[in-house]
Amino acid sequence: MPFAPLGRYGCDPPLSLITTFLDKIKASESDIDVILMPGDFLRHGMSFNPDEPNTGDYSLLKQTIQQIASLIAKYFPDVIIIPTIGNNDSKIYF
């Protein structure tokens, strides 16, 4: 598979892209009160695949969400972070 430091369509973004994004925001925005962390930032089928029951990895999904939330909190320790849940962020397919 070719090297894709900025990710590729249909794949999760690499951690380096996320940290670069957070670096840019922190450098350009000094007065942030609230960050809305939208759902559905994980790939389809991570926790539930309607075509292949019992193949999802819900523990990996929870670990990934926690890792991203912790990373955002590290960059913005005094900012309120409001997470939302998307249709790919649960054990149930919507």
PDB file of N, CA and C in Angstrom:
ATOM      1  N   MET A   1       0.849  -1.173   0.000  1.00  0.00           N
ATOM      2  CA  MET A   1       0.000   0.000   0.000  1.00  0.00           C
ATOM      3  C   MET A   1       0.899   1.243   0.000  1.00  0.00           C
ATOM      4  N   PRO A   2       0.594   2.258  -0.806  1.00  0.00           N
ATOM      5  CA  PRO A   2       1.443   3.450  -0.884  1.00  0.00           C
ATOM      6  C   PRO A   2       1.403   4.271   0.403  1.00  0.00           C
ATOM      7  N   PHE A   3       2.508   4.939   0.695  1.00  0.00           N
ATOM      8  CA  PHE A   3       2.622   5.811   1.862  1.00  0.00           C
ATOM      9  C   PHE A   3       1.635   6.960   1.711  1.00  0.00           C
ATOM     10  N   ALA A   4       0.830   7.224   2.754  1.00  0.00           N
ATOM     11  CA  ALA A   4      -0.166   8.292   2.696  1.00  0.00           C
ATOM     12  C   ALA A   4      -0.187   9.034   4.036  1.00  0.00           C
ATOM     13  N   PRO A   5       0.748   9.949   4.256  1.00  0.00           N
ATOM     14  CA  PRO A   5       0.838  10.622   5.560  1.00  0.00           C
ATOM     15  C   PRO A   5      -0.390  11.453   5.908  1.00  0.00           C
ATOM     16  N   LEU A   6      -1.168  11.842   4.918  1.00  0.00           N
ATOM     17  CA  LEU A   6      -2.386  12.601   5.182  1.00  0.00           C
ATOM     18  C   LEU A   6      -3.627  11.722   5.106  1.00  0.00           C
ATOM     19  N   GLY A   7      -3.446  10.426   5.070  1.00  0.00           N
ATOM     20  CA  GLY A   7      -4.578   9.514   4.993  1.00  0.00           C
ATOM     21  C   GLY A   7      -4.994   9.283   3.557  1.00  0.00           C
ATOM     22  N   ARG A   8      -6.026   8.495   3.399  1.00  0.00           N
ATOM     23  CA  ARG A   8      -6.587   8.245   2.068  1.00  0.00           C
ATOM     24  C   ARG A   8      -8.082   8.038   2.202  1.00  0.00           C
ATOM     25  N   TYR A   9      -8.798   8.256   1.151  1.00  0.00           N
ATOM     26  CA  TYR A   9     -10.248   8.128   1.156  1.00  0.00           C
ATOM     27  C   TYR A   9     -10.651   6.721   1.600  1.00  0.00           C
ATOM     28  N   GLY A  10     -11.627   6.663   2.518  1.00  0.00           N
ATOM     29  CA  GLY A  10     -12.132   5.378   2.989  1.00  0.00           C
ATOM     30  C   GLY A  10     -11.353   4.787   4.148  1.00  0.00           C
ATOM     31  N   CYS A  11     -10.333   5.502   4.636  1.00  0.00           N
ATOM     32  CA  CYS A  11      -9.513   5.006   5.743  1.00  0.00           C
ATOM     33  C   CYS A  11      -9.518   6.014   6.885  1.00  0.00           C
ATOM     34  N   ASP A  12      -9.205   5.533   8.067  1.00  0.00           N
ATOM     35  CA  ASP A  12      -9.078   6.432   9.203  1.00  0.00           C
ATOM     36  C   ASP A  12      -7.878   7.346   8.993  1.00  0.00           C
ATOM     37  N   PRO A  13      -7.951   8.600   9.484  1.00  0.00           N
ATOM     38  CA  PRO A  13      -6.794   9.480   9.355  1.00  0.00           C
ATOM     39  C   PRO A  13      -5.681   9.012  10.279  1.00  0.00           C
ATOM     40  N   PRO A  14      -4.443   9.148   9.867  1.00  0.00           N
ATOM     41  CA  PRO A  14      -3.330   8.771  10.750  1.00  0.00           C
ATOM     42  C   PRO A  14      -3.227   9.755  11.912  1.00  0.00           C
ATOM     43  N   LEU A  15      -2.662   9.298  13.018  1.00  0.00           N
ATOM     44  CA  LEU A  15      -2.504  10.140  14.196  1.00  0.00           C
ATOM     45  C   LEU A  15      -1.695  11.391  13.868  1.00  0.00           C
ATOM     46  N   SER A  16      -0.739  11.286  12.962  1.00  0.00           N
ATOM     47  CA  SER A  16       0.069  12.453  12.586  1.00  0.00           C
ATOM     48  C   SER A  16      -0.786  13.555  11.962  1.00  0.00           C
ATOM     49  N   LEU A  17      -1.816  13.203  11.212  1.00  0.00           N
ATOM     50  CA  LEU A  17      -2.715  14.196  10.627  1.00  0.00           C
ATOM     51  C   LEU A  17      -3.540  14.867  11.723  1.00  0.00           C
ATOM     52  N   ILE A  18      -4.006  14.087  12.684  1.00  0.00           N
ATOM     53  CA  ILE A  18      -4.807  14.640  13.772  1.00  0.00           C
ATOM     54  C   ILE A  18      -3.973  15.596  14.623  1.00  0.00           C
ATOM     55  N   THR A  19      -2.746  15.212  14.955  1.00  0.00           N
ATOM     56  CA  THR A  19      -1.902  16.095  15.764  1.00  0.00           C
ATOM     57  C   THR A  19      -1.509  17.359  14.997  1.00  0.00           C
ATOM     58  N   THR A  20      -1.290  17.229  13.694  1.00  0.00           N
ATOM     59  CA  THR A  20      -0.996  18.416  12.875  1.00  0.00           C
ATOM     60  C   THR A  20      -2.181  19.367  12.879  1.00  0.00           C
ATOM     61  N   PHE A  21      -3.367  18.820  12.745  1.00  0.00           N
ATOM     62  CA  PHE A  21      -4.602  19.605  12.770  1.00  0.00           C
ATOM     63  C   PHE A  21      -4.737  20.336  14.118  1.00  0.00           C
ATOM     64  N   LEU A  22      -4.518  19.617  15.222  1.00  0.00           N
ATOM     65  CA  LEU A  22      -4.627  20.226  16.548  1.00  0.00           C
ATOM     66  C   LEU A  22      -3.549  21.270  16.773  1.00  0.00           C
ATOM     67  N   ASP A  23      -2.338  21.022  16.269  1.00  0.00           N
ATOM     68  CA  ASP A  23      -1.261  22.020  16.354  1.00  0.00           C
ATOM     69  C   ASP A  23      -1.673  23.316  15.663  1.00  0.00           C
ATOM     70  N   LYS A  24      -2.237  23.213  14.482  1.00  0.00           N
ATOM     71  CA  LYS A  24      -2.648  24.394  13.700  1.00  0.00           C
ATOM     72  C   LYS A  24      -3.753  25.162  14.414  1.00  0.00           C
ATOM     73  N   ILE A  25      -4.719  24.444  14.969  1.00  0.00           N
ATOM     74  CA  ILE A  25      -5.811  25.115  15.682  1.00  0.00           C
ATOM     75  C   ILE A  25      -5.265  25.840  16.913  1.00  0.00           C
ATOM     76  N   LYS A  26      -4.442  25.153  17.689  1.00  0.00           N
ATOM     77  CA  LYS A  26      -3.882  25.750  18.906  1.00  0.00           C
ATOM     78  C   LYS A  26      -3.064  26.997  18.572  1.00  0.00           C
ATOM     79  N   ALA A  27      -2.322  26.970  17.474  1.00  0.00           N
ATOM     80  CA  ALA A  27      -1.491  28.111  17.077  1.00  0.00           C
ATOM     81  C   ALA A  27      -2.320  29.284  16.559  1.00  0.00           C
ATOM     82  N   SER A  28      -3.459  29.016  15.946  1.00  0.00           N
ATOM     83  CA  SER A  28      -4.220  30.100  15.314  1.00  0.00           C
ATOM     84  C   SER A  28      -5.419  30.578  16.129  1.00  0.00           C
ATOM     85  N   GLU A  29      -5.890  29.784  17.063  1.00  0.00           N
ATOM     86  CA  GLU A  29      -7.070  30.147  17.851  1.00  0.00           C
ATOM     87  C   GLU A  29      -6.700  30.186  19.331  1.00  0.00           C
ATOM     88  N   SER A  30      -6.717  31.371  19.925  1.00  0.00           N
ATOM     89  CA  SER A  30      -6.303  31.494  21.316  1.00  0.00           C
ATOM     90  C   SER A  30      -7.470  31.576  22.297  1.00  0.00           C
ATOM     91  N   ASP A  31      -8.672  31.738  21.787  1.00  0.00           N
ATOM     92  CA  ASP A  31      -9.809  31.954  22.673  1.00  0.00           C
ATOM     93  C   ASP A  31     -10.933  30.950  22.384  1.00  0.00           C
ATOM     94  N   ILE A  32     -10.688  29.682  22.683  1.00  0.00           N
ATOM     95  CA  ILE A  32     -11.683  28.628  22.449  1.00  0.00           C
ATOM     96  C   ILE A  32     -12.332  28.275  23.781  1.00  0.00           C
ATOM     97  N   ASP A  33     -13.653  28.301  23.817  1.00  0.00           N
ATOM     98  CA  ASP A  33     -14.387  27.956  25.032  1.00  0.00           C
ATOM     99  C   ASP A  33     -14.897  26.518  25.000  1.00  0.00           C
ATOM    100  N   VAL A  34     -15.351  26.075  23.815  1.00  0.00           N
ATOM    101  CA  VAL A  34     -15.998  24.767  23.684  1.00  0.00           C
ATOM    102  C   VAL A  34     -15.535  24.110  22.390  1.00  0.00           C
ATOM    103  N   ILE A  35     -15.310  22.799  22.468  1.00  0.00           N
ATOM    104  CA  ILE A  35     -15.013  22.016  21.266  1.00  0.00           C
ATOM    105  C   ILE A  35     -16.097  20.959  21.144  1.00  0.00           C
ATOM    106  N   LEU A  36     -16.773  20.945  20.012  1.00  0.00           N
ATOM    107  CA  LEU A  36     -17.755  19.911  19.708  1.00  0.00           C
ATOM    108  C   LEU A  36     -17.028  18.792  18.979  1.00  0.00           C
ATOM    109  N   MET A  37     -16.982  17.629  19.604  1.00  0.00           N
ATOM    110  CA  MET A  37     -16.298  16.472  19.018  1.00  0.00           C
ATOM    111  C   MET A  37     -17.355  15.630  18.316  1.00  0.00           C
ATOM    112  N   PRO A  38     -17.463  15.762  16.994  1.00  0.00           N
ATOM    113  CA  PRO A  38     -18.552  15.078  16.291  1.00  0.00           C
ATOM    114  C   PRO A  38     -18.379  13.566  16.265  1.00  0.00           C
ATOM    115  N   GLY A  39     -19.492  12.886  16.240  1.00  0.00           N
ATOM    116  CA  GLY A  39     -19.456  11.436  16.108  1.00  0.00           C
ATOM    117  C   GLY A  39     -19.102  11.049  14.686  1.00  0.00           C
ATOM    118  N   ASP A  40     -18.990   9.759  14.485  1.00  0.00           N
ATOM    119  CA  ASP A  40     -18.679   9.221  13.156  1.00  0.00           C
ATOM    120  C   ASP A  40     -17.303   9.609  12.643  1.00  0.00           C
ATOM    121  N   PHE A  41     -16.353   9.739  13.536  1.00  0.00           N
ATOM    122  CA  PHE A  41     -15.004   9.977  13.040  1.00  0.00           C
ATOM    123  C   PHE A  41     -14.220   8.675  12.959  1.00  0.00           C
ATOM    124  N   LEU A  42     -14.891   7.560  13.194  1.00  0.00           N
ATOM    125  CA  LEU A  42     -14.283   6.234  13.081  1.00  0.00           C
ATOM    126  C   LEU A  42     -14.797   5.551  11.825  1.00  0.00           C
ATOM    127  N   ARG A  43     -14.046   4.570  11.382  1.00  0.00           N
ATOM    128  CA  ARG A  43     -14.428   3.887  10.140  1.00  0.00           C
ATOM    129  C   ARG A  43     -15.690   3.053  10.328  1.00  0.00           C
ATOM    130  N   HIS A  44     -16.381   2.816   9.230  1.00  0.00           N
ATOM    131  CA  HIS A  44     -17.566   1.968   9.251  1.00  0.00           C
ATOM    132  C   HIS A  44     -17.181   0.538   9.637  1.00  0.00           C
ATOM    133  N   GLY A  45     -18.032  -0.090  10.423  1.00  0.00           N
ATOM    134  CA  GLY A  45     -17.830  -1.490  10.761  1.00  0.00           C
ATOM    135  C   GLY A  45     -16.863  -1.752  11.893  1.00  0.00           C
ATOM    136  N   MET A  46     -16.334  -0.693  12.525  1.00  0.00           N
ATOM    137  CA  MET A  46     -15.394  -0.938  13.615  1.00  0.00           C
ATOM    138  C   MET A  46     -16.093  -1.626  14.792  1.00  0.00           C
ATOM    139  N   SER A  47     -17.281  -1.142  15.146  1.00  0.00           N
ATOM    140  CA  SER A  47     -17.970  -1.752  16.284  1.00  0.00           C
ATOM    141  C   SER A  47     -19.085  -2.691  15.850  1.00  0.00           C
ATOM    142  N   PHE A  48     -19.573  -2.511  14.625  1.00  0.00           N
ATOM    143  CA  PHE A  48     -20.699  -3.316  14.164  1.00  0.00           C
ATOM    144  C   PHE A  48     -20.712  -3.338  12.650  1.00  0.00           C
ATOM    145  N   ASN A  49     -20.807  -4.494  12.087  1.00  0.00           N
ATOM    146  CA  ASN A  49     -20.903  -4.642  10.643  1.00  0.00           C
ATOM    147  C   ASN A  49     -22.212  -5.374  10.340  1.00  0.00           C
ATOM    148  N   PRO A  50     -23.204  -4.677   9.772  1.00  0.00           N
ATOM    149  CA  PRO A  50     -24.504  -5.316   9.545  1.00  0.00           C
ATOM    150  C   PRO A  50     -24.434  -6.513   8.587  1.00  0.00           C
ATOM    151  N   ASP A  51     -23.407  -6.558   7.757  1.00  0.00           N
ATOM    152  CA  ASP A  51     -23.272  -7.667   6.810  1.00  0.00           C
ATOM    153  C   ASP A  51     -22.589  -8.881   7.430  1.00  0.00           C
ATOM    154  N   GLU A  52     -21.854  -8.663   8.524  1.00  0.00           N
ATOM    155  CA  GLU A  52     -21.131  -9.752   9.193  1.00  0.00           C
ATOM    156  C   GLU A  52     -21.317  -9.615  10.709  1.00  0.00           C
ATOM    157  N   PRO A  53     -22.436 -10.124  11.239  1.00  0.00           N
ATOM    158  CA  PRO A  53     -22.700  -9.985  12.673  1.00  0.00           C
ATOM    159  C   PRO A  53     -21.561 -10.557  13.525  1.00  0.00           C
ATOM    160  N   ASN A  54     -21.379  -9.945  14.682  1.00  0.00           N
ATOM    161  CA  ASN A  54     -20.376 -10.350  15.679  1.00  0.00           C
ATOM    162  C   ASN A  54     -18.932 -10.219  15.194  1.00  0.00           C
ATOM    163  N   THR A  55     -18.675  -9.324  14.251  1.00  0.00           N
ATOM    164  CA  THR A  55     -17.309  -9.136  13.772  1.00  0.00           C
ATOM    165  C   THR A  55     -16.708  -7.807  14.210  1.00  0.00           C
ATOM    166  N   GLY A  56     -17.504  -6.922  14.799  1.00  0.00           N
ATOM    167  CA  GLY A  56     -16.996  -5.620  15.205  1.00  0.00           C
ATOM    168  C   GLY A  56     -16.122  -5.703  16.438  1.00  0.00           C
ATOM    169  N   ASP A  57     -15.377  -4.660  16.682  1.00  0.00           N
ATOM    170  CA  ASP A  57     -14.492  -4.590  17.842  1.00  0.00           C
ATOM    171  C   ASP A  57     -14.873  -3.359  18.656  1.00  0.00           C
ATOM    172  N   TYR A  58     -15.898  -3.523  19.490  1.00  0.00           N
ATOM    173  CA  TYR A  58     -16.413  -2.398  20.281  1.00  0.00           C
ATOM    174  C   TYR A  58     -15.371  -1.882  21.266  1.00  0.00           C
ATOM    175  N   SER A  59     -14.553  -2.755  21.832  1.00  0.00           N
ATOM    176  CA  SER A  59     -13.528  -2.298  22.777  1.00  0.00           C
ATOM    177  C   SER A  59     -12.500  -1.412  22.063  1.00  0.00           C
ATOM    178  N   LEU A  60     -12.156  -1.728  20.817  1.00  0.00           N
ATOM    179  CA  LEU A  60     -11.245  -0.880  20.044  1.00  0.00           C
ATOM    180  C   LEU A  60     -11.894   0.472  19.753  1.00  0.00           C
ATOM    181  N   LEU A  61     -13.182   0.463  19.456  1.00  0.00           N
ATOM    182  CA  LEU A  61     -13.896   1.712  19.208  1.00  0.00           C
ATOM    183  C   LEU A  61     -13.838   2.602  20.450  1.00  0.00           C
ATOM    184  N   LYS A  62     -14.139   2.053  21.627  1.00  0.00           N
ATOM    185  CA  LYS A  62     -14.108   2.832  22.865  1.00  0.00           C
ATOM    186  C   LYS A  62     -12.699   3.338  23.154  1.00  0.00           C
ATOM    187  N   GLN A  63     -11.708   2.505  22.937  1.00  0.00           N
ATOM    188  CA  GLN A  63     -10.312   2.894  23.158  1.00  0.00           C
ATOM    189  C   GLN A  63      -9.917   4.036  22.213  1.00  0.00           C
ATOM    190  N   THR A  64     -10.341   3.967  20.965  1.00  0.00           N
ATOM    191  CA  THR A  64     -10.010   4.998  19.979  1.00  0.00           C
ATOM    192  C   THR A  64     -10.661   6.324  20.342  1.00  0.00           C
ATOM    193  N   ILE A  65     -11.935   6.289  20.726  1.00  0.00           N
ATOM    194  CA  ILE A  65     -12.630   7.513  21.131  1.00  0.00           C
ATOM    195  C   ILE A  65     -11.933   8.125  22.347  1.00  0.00           C
ATOM    196  N   GLN A  66     -11.562   7.299  23.314  1.00  0.00           N
ATOM    197  CA  GLN A  66     -10.879   7.788  24.509  1.00  0.00           C
ATOM    198  C   GLN A  66      -9.528   8.404  24.149  1.00  0.00           C
ATOM    199  N   GLN A  67      -8.809   7.770  23.247  1.00  0.00           N
ATOM    200  CA  GLN A  67      -7.494   8.279  22.832  1.00  0.00           C
ATOM    201  C   GLN A  67      -7.627   9.650  22.175  1.00  0.00           C
ATOM    202  N   ILE A  68      -8.598   9.806  21.301  1.00  0.00           N
ATOM    203  CA  ILE A  68      -8.787  11.092  20.614  1.00  0.00           C
ATOM    204  C   ILE A  68      -9.258  12.158  21.595  1.00  0.00           C
ATOM    205  N   ALA A  69     -10.201  11.801  22.477  1.00  0.00           N
ATOM    206  CA  ALA A  69     -10.687  12.760  23.471  1.00  0.00           C
ATOM    207  C   ALA A  69      -9.546  13.199  24.391  1.00  0.00           C
ATOM    208  N   SER A  70      -8.697  12.270  24.809  1.00  0.00           N
ATOM    209  CA  SER A  70      -7.555  12.598  25.664  1.00  0.00           C
ATOM    210  C   SER A  70      -6.560  13.501  24.942  1.00  0.00           C
ATOM    211  N   LEU A  71      -6.354  13.236  23.665  1.00  0.00           N
ATOM    212  CA  LEU A  71      -5.448  14.062  22.869  1.00  0.00           C
ATOM    213  C   LEU A  71      -5.978  15.493  22.757  1.00  0.00           C
ATOM    214  N   ILE A  72      -7.265  15.639  22.498  1.00  0.00           N
ATOM    215  CA  ILE A  72      -7.865  16.980  22.414  1.00  0.00           C
ATOM    216  C   ILE A  72      -7.751  17.679  23.768  1.00  0.00           C
ATOM    217  N   ALA A  73      -8.020  16.947  24.853  1.00  0.00           N
ATOM    218  CA  ALA A  73      -7.927  17.529  26.201  1.00  0.00           C
ATOM    219  C   ALA A  73      -6.491  17.948  26.528  1.00  0.00           C
ATOM    220  N   LYS A  74      -5.512  17.219  26.011  1.00  0.00           N
ATOM    221  CA  LYS A  74      -4.101  17.578  26.226  1.00  0.00           C
ATOM    222  C   LYS A  74      -3.773  18.903  25.537  1.00  0.00           C
ATOM    223  N   TYR A  75      -4.279  19.080  24.334  1.00  0.00           N
ATOM    224  CA  TYR A  75      -4.030  20.320  23.589  1.00  0.00           C
ATOM    225  C   TYR A  75      -4.813  21.492  24.158  1.00  0.00           C
ATOM    226  N   PHE A  76      -6.017  21.229  24.658  1.00  0.00           N
ATOM    227  CA  PHE A  76      -6.908  22.273  25.144  1.00  0.00           C
ATOM    228  C   PHE A  76      -7.427  21.908  26.533  1.00  0.00           C
ATOM    229  N   PRO A  77      -6.560  21.970  27.560  1.00  0.00           N
ATOM    230  CA  PRO A  77      -6.930  21.477  28.890  1.00  0.00           C
ATOM    231  C   PRO A  77      -8.033  22.273  29.595  1.00  0.00           C
ATOM    232  N   ASP A  78      -8.218  23.528  29.230  1.00  0.00           N
ATOM    233  CA  ASP A  78      -9.215  24.365  29.907  1.00  0.00           C
ATOM    234  C   ASP A  78     -10.475  24.579  29.067  1.00  0.00           C
ATOM    235  N   VAL A  79     -10.647  23.763  28.043  1.00  0.00           N
ATOM    236  CA  VAL A  79     -11.777  23.911  27.129  1.00  0.00           C
ATOM    237  C   VAL A  79     -12.794  22.794  27.386  1.00  0.00           C
ATOM    238  N   ILE A  80     -14.059  23.132  27.335  1.00  0.00           N
ATOM    239  CA  ILE A  80     -15.116  22.131  27.467  1.00  0.00           C
ATOM    240  C   ILE A  80     -15.176  21.332  26.174  1.00  0.00           C
ATOM    241  N   ILE A  81     -15.149  20.011  26.288  1.00  0.00           N
ATOM    242  CA  ILE A  81     -15.238  19.129  25.125  1.00  0.00           C
ATOM    243  C   ILE A  81     -16.579  18.418  25.187  1.00  0.00           C
ATOM    244  N   ILE A  82     -17.387  18.583  24.146  1.00  0.00           N
ATOM    245  CA  ILE A  82     -18.708  17.958  24.090  1.00  0.00           C
ATOM    246  C   ILE A  82     -18.680  16.891  22.998  1.00  0.00           C
ATOM    247  N   PRO A  83     -18.656  15.621  23.400  1.00  0.00           N
ATOM    248  CA  PRO A  83     -18.674  14.548  22.390  1.00  0.00           C
ATOM    249  C   PRO A  83     -20.104  14.248  21.956  1.00  0.00           C
ATOM    250  N   THR A  84     -20.248  13.869  20.709  1.00  0.00           N
ATOM    251  CA  THR A  84     -21.533  13.402  20.203  1.00  0.00           C
ATOM    252  C   THR A  84     -21.338  12.000  19.645  1.00  0.00           C
ATOM    253  N   ILE A  85     -22.416  11.279  19.509  1.00  0.00           N
ATOM    254  CA  ILE A  85     -22.353   9.893  19.045  1.00  0.00           C
ATOM    255  C   ILE A  85     -22.926   9.808  17.639  1.00  0.00           C
ATOM    256  N   GLY A  86     -22.201   9.152  16.764  1.00  0.00           N
ATOM    257  CA  GLY A  86     -22.660   8.935  15.399  1.00  0.00           C
ATOM    258  C   GLY A  86     -23.123   7.503  15.214  1.00  0.00           C
ATOM    259  N   ASN A  87     -23.636   7.194  14.036  1.00  0.00           N
ATOM    260  CA  ASN A  87     -24.188   5.862  13.794  1.00  0.00           C
ATOM    261  C   ASN A  87     -23.114   4.775  13.736  1.00  0.00           C
ATOM    262  N   ASN A  88     -21.853   5.123  13.663  1.00  0.00           N
ATOM    263  CA  ASN A  88     -20.772   4.129  13.666  1.00  0.00           C
ATOM    264  C   ASN A  88     -20.106   4.000  15.032  1.00  0.00           C
ATOM    265  N   ASP A  89     -20.654   4.699  16.022  1.00  0.00           N
ATOM    266  CA  ASP A  89     -20.030   4.755  17.339  1.00  0.00           C
ATOM    267  C   ASP A  89     -20.771   3.930  18.395  1.00  0.00           C
ATOM    268  N   SER A  90     -21.462   2.912  17.986  1.00  0.00           N
ATOM    269  CA  SER A  90     -22.208   2.102  18.935  1.00  0.00           C
ATOM    270  C   SER A  90     -22.226   0.650  18.495  1.00  0.00           C
ATOM    271  N   LYS A  91     -22.799  -0.197  19.336  1.00  0.00           N
ATOM    272  CA  LYS A  91     -22.929  -1.608  18.982  1.00  0.00           C
ATOM    273  C   LYS A  91     -24.120  -1.846  18.064  1.00  0.00           C
ATOM    274  N   ILE A  92     -24.958  -0.834  17.938  1.00  0.00           N
ATOM    275  CA  ILE A  92     -26.179  -0.961  17.145  1.00  0.00           C
ATOM    276  C   ILE A  92     -26.016  -0.188  15.850  1.00  0.00           C
ATOM    277  N   TYR A  93     -26.426  -0.784  14.761  1.00  0.00           N
ATOM    278  CA  TYR A  93     -26.371  -0.118  13.459  1.00  0.00           C
ATOM    279  C   TYR A  93     -27.649   0.662  13.265  1.00  0.00           C
ATOM    280  N   PHE A  94     -27.541   1.971  13.004  1.00  0.00           N
ATOM    281  CA  PHE A  94     -28.732   2.823  12.806  1.00  0.00           C
ATOM    282  C   PHE A  94     -29.113   2.871  11.358  1.00  0.00           C
TER     283      PHE A  94
END
